[in-house]
Amino acid sequence: MAQTVTECLAAGTDSVNLIDGVKAGSWDVLRMTQAEINEMVQRNVDHLEIILEYAPVDSDDDTPNVKGAADSKKTTHVAAIATGKTYITDNS
């Protein structure tokens, strides 16, 4: 059974929470260097960007069309990507 758009977006929730938590200062990064934190945030930004690009390549492909889904479904993911990129820029 193929995943739905909602299930794909749910798979990115941990990345959203991590990025938002690092930005808010509530994510445990005490033993990490700033470079390590930035790398961790970048990996999660990359993960979200990949999820948002999911789309079927043809009519036989059962990949959910996350890319074509309503923007309202992707708001938190798009915001977390922007937050993560800003965080990395501000802390480089």
Protein backbone atom coordinates (compact mmCIF):
# COMPACT_ATOMS: atom_id res chain seq x y z
CA MET A 1 0.00 0.00 0.00
CA ALA A 2 1.39 3.37 -1.00
CA GLN A 3 2.00 6.15 1.46
CA THR A 4 -0.23 9.18 1.47
CA VAL A 5 0.87 12.81 1.38
CA THR A 6 -0.08 13.10 5.04
CA GLU A 7 2.08 10.10 5.96
CA CYS A 8 5.05 11.53 4.06
CA LEU A 9 4.69 14.88 5.79
CA ALA A 10 4.37 13.13 9.15
CA ALA A 11 7.74 11.50 8.46
CA GLY A 12 9.24 14.99 8.46
CA THR A 13 7.75 16.04 11.78
CA ASP A 14 10.87 15.02 13.73
CA SER A 15 12.96 17.25 11.48
CA VAL A 16 10.57 20.15 11.97
CA ASN A 17 10.70 19.66 15.75
CA LEU A 18 14.49 19.44 15.79
CA ILE A 19 15.00 22.60 13.73
CA ASP A 20 12.46 24.55 15.75
CA GLY A 21 13.92 23.23 19.00
CA VAL A 22 17.48 24.18 18.10
CA LYS A 23 16.34 27.66 17.11
CA ALA A 24 14.35 28.06 20.35
CA GLY A 25 17.25 26.79 22.46
CA SER A 26 15.25 23.88 23.83
CA TRP A 27 17.07 21.12 21.93
CA ASP A 28 19.93 19.51 23.87
CA VAL A 29 23.11 20.56 22.06
CA LEU A 30 25.32 21.17 25.11
CA ARG A 31 28.08 18.78 24.08
CA MET A 32 28.09 19.81 20.43
CA THR A 33 30.20 22.40 18.64
CA GLN A 34 28.44 25.04 16.58
CA ALA A 35 29.71 23.32 13.44
CA GLU A 36 28.12 20.04 14.58
CA ILE A 37 24.85 21.78 15.38
CA ASN A 38 24.83 23.45 11.97
CA GLU A 39 25.52 20.10 10.26
CA MET A 40 22.66 18.48 12.19
CA VAL A 41 20.27 21.29 11.25
CA GLN A 42 21.40 21.08 7.60
CA ARG A 43 20.74 17.32 7.46
CA ASN A 44 17.22 17.95 8.70
CA VAL A 45 16.67 20.83 6.25
CA ASP A 46 17.84 18.49 3.47
CA HIS A 47 15.45 15.79 4.68
CA LEU A 48 12.49 18.17 4.56
CA GLU A 49 13.45 19.48 1.13
CA ILE A 50 13.57 15.92 -0.21
CA ILE A 51 10.14 15.11 1.24
CA LEU A 52 8.63 18.25 -0.30
CA GLU A 53 9.89 17.16 -3.74
CA TYR A 54 8.13 13.76 -3.69
CA ALA A 55 6.00 13.39 -6.81
CA PRO A 56 5.03 10.55 -9.11
CA VAL A 57 7.02 10.35 -12.33
CA ASP A 58 4.15 8.87 -14.35
CA SER A 59 0.64 7.49 -13.98
CA ASP A 60 1.97 4.09 -12.87
CA ASP A 61 4.04 5.57 -10.04
CA ASP A 62 2.31 5.40 -6.65
CA THR A 63 4.63 7.97 -5.03
CA PRO A 64 2.43 10.49 -3.22
CA ASN A 65 2.35 13.92 -4.82
CA VAL A 66 3.69 15.94 -1.92
CA LYS A 67 5.13 18.50 -4.33
CA GLY A 68 1.69 19.15 -5.82
CA ALA A 69 -0.18 19.09 -2.50
CA ALA A 70 -1.84 22.20 -1.16
CA ASP A 71 0.62 24.63 0.39
CA SER A 72 -1.48 24.69 3.55
CA LYS A 73 -0.49 21.07 4.21
CA LYS A 74 3.21 21.92 3.97
CA THR A 75 3.32 25.18 5.93
CA THR A 76 5.23 23.90 8.97
CA HIS A 77 7.75 22.07 6.81
CA VAL A 78 8.42 25.08 4.59
CA ALA A 79 8.74 27.31 7.66
CA ALA A 80 11.18 24.89 9.32
CA ILE A 81 13.36 24.88 6.20
CA ALA A 82 13.52 28.67 6.25
CA THR A 83 14.19 28.67 10.00
CA GLY A 84 16.98 26.12 9.61
CA LYS A 85 18.67 28.00 6.79
CA THR A 86 18.50 31.27 8.71
CA TYR A 87 19.84 29.59 11.84
CA ILE A 88 22.83 28.19 9.94
CA THR A 89 23.54 31.55 8.29
CA ASP A 90 23.29 33.38 11.60
CA ASN A 91 25.55 30.89 13.36
CA SER A 92 28.29 30.32 10.79
